[in-house]
Amino acid sequence: MKASELRSKSSDELSAQLHKLLEESFRLRTRKATGQLSQTHLLQQNQRDIARIKTVLREQAK
């Protein structure tokens, strides 16, 4: 996911996508804690996507 793609979306779409990513983050952390997550790079990728969305939302708020 690129920031340029995110900037073309509305704030409602970004908020919905952020909520979905936060839920996915919870699932990934739970799977990691129980030892079921073999693709640990997904945690970092998810966190970066969340940060990108929050950044774009803050830019739009200004």
Protein backbone atom coordinates (compact mmCIF):
# COMPACT_ATOMS: atom_id res chain seq x y z
CA MET A 1 0.00 0.00 0.00
CA LYS A 2 1.41 3.36 -1.03
CA ALA A 3 0.74 6.74 0.52
CA SER A 4 -0.23 8.15 -2.88
CA GLU A 5 -3.00 5.55 -3.13
CA LEU A 6 -4.21 6.45 0.33
CA ARG A 7 -4.30 10.18 -0.38
CA SER A 8 -6.86 9.60 -3.13
CA LYS A 9 -9.33 8.02 -0.67
CA SER A 10 -11.82 9.81 1.55
CA SER A 11 -11.39 10.02 5.29
CA ASP A 12 -14.33 7.63 5.82
CA GLU A 13 -12.70 4.99 3.63
CA LEU A 14 -9.40 5.47 5.43
CA SER A 15 -11.05 5.15 8.83
CA ALA A 16 -12.74 1.92 7.78
CA GLN A 17 -9.47 0.54 6.43
CA LEU A 18 -7.67 1.59 9.63
CA HIS A 19 -10.25 -0.26 11.73
CA LYS A 20 -9.80 -3.37 9.59
CA LEU A 21 -6.00 -3.21 9.95
CA LEU A 22 -6.22 -2.77 13.72
CA GLU A 23 -8.38 -5.90 13.95
CA GLU A 24 -5.90 -7.77 11.76
CA SER A 25 -3.07 -6.56 13.98
CA PHE A 26 -4.83 -8.05 17.00
CA ARG A 27 -5.26 -11.38 15.22
CA LEU A 28 -1.60 -11.44 14.17
CA ARG A 29 -0.38 -10.66 17.69
CA THR A 30 -2.60 -13.39 19.10
CA ARG A 31 -1.30 -15.92 16.58
CA LYS A 32 2.28 -14.93 17.35
CA ALA A 33 1.74 -15.33 21.09
CA THR A 34 0.34 -18.82 20.61
CA GLY A 35 3.13 -19.80 18.24
CA GLN A 36 0.92 -20.21 15.18
CA LEU A 37 2.38 -17.35 13.13
CA SER A 38 5.10 -18.47 10.77
CA GLN A 39 5.19 -15.28 8.67
CA THR A 40 6.35 -12.80 11.28
CA HIS A 41 7.03 -10.11 8.67
CA LEU A 42 3.27 -9.57 8.48
CA LEU A 43 3.31 -7.88 11.89
CA GLN A 44 5.75 -5.20 10.78
CA GLN A 45 4.01 -4.74 7.43
CA ASN A 46 0.68 -4.29 9.19
CA GLN A 47 2.08 -1.73 11.62
CA ARG A 48 3.60 0.28 8.77
CA ASP A 49 0.29 0.32 6.91
CA ILE A 50 -1.46 1.55 10.05
CA ALA A 51 1.12 4.33 10.43
CA ARG A 52 0.68 5.35 6.77
CA ILE A 53 -3.08 5.61 7.15
CA LYS A 54 -2.80 7.60 10.37
CA THR A 55 -0.36 9.97 8.69
CA VAL A 56 -2.66 10.58 5.72
CA LEU A 57 -5.66 11.08 8.02
CA ARG A 58 -3.70 13.67 9.98
CA GLU A 59 -2.66 15.43 6.76
CA GLN A 60 -6.29 15.59 5.64
CA ALA A 61 -7.37 16.96 9.01
CA LYS A 62 -5.07 19.97 8.66
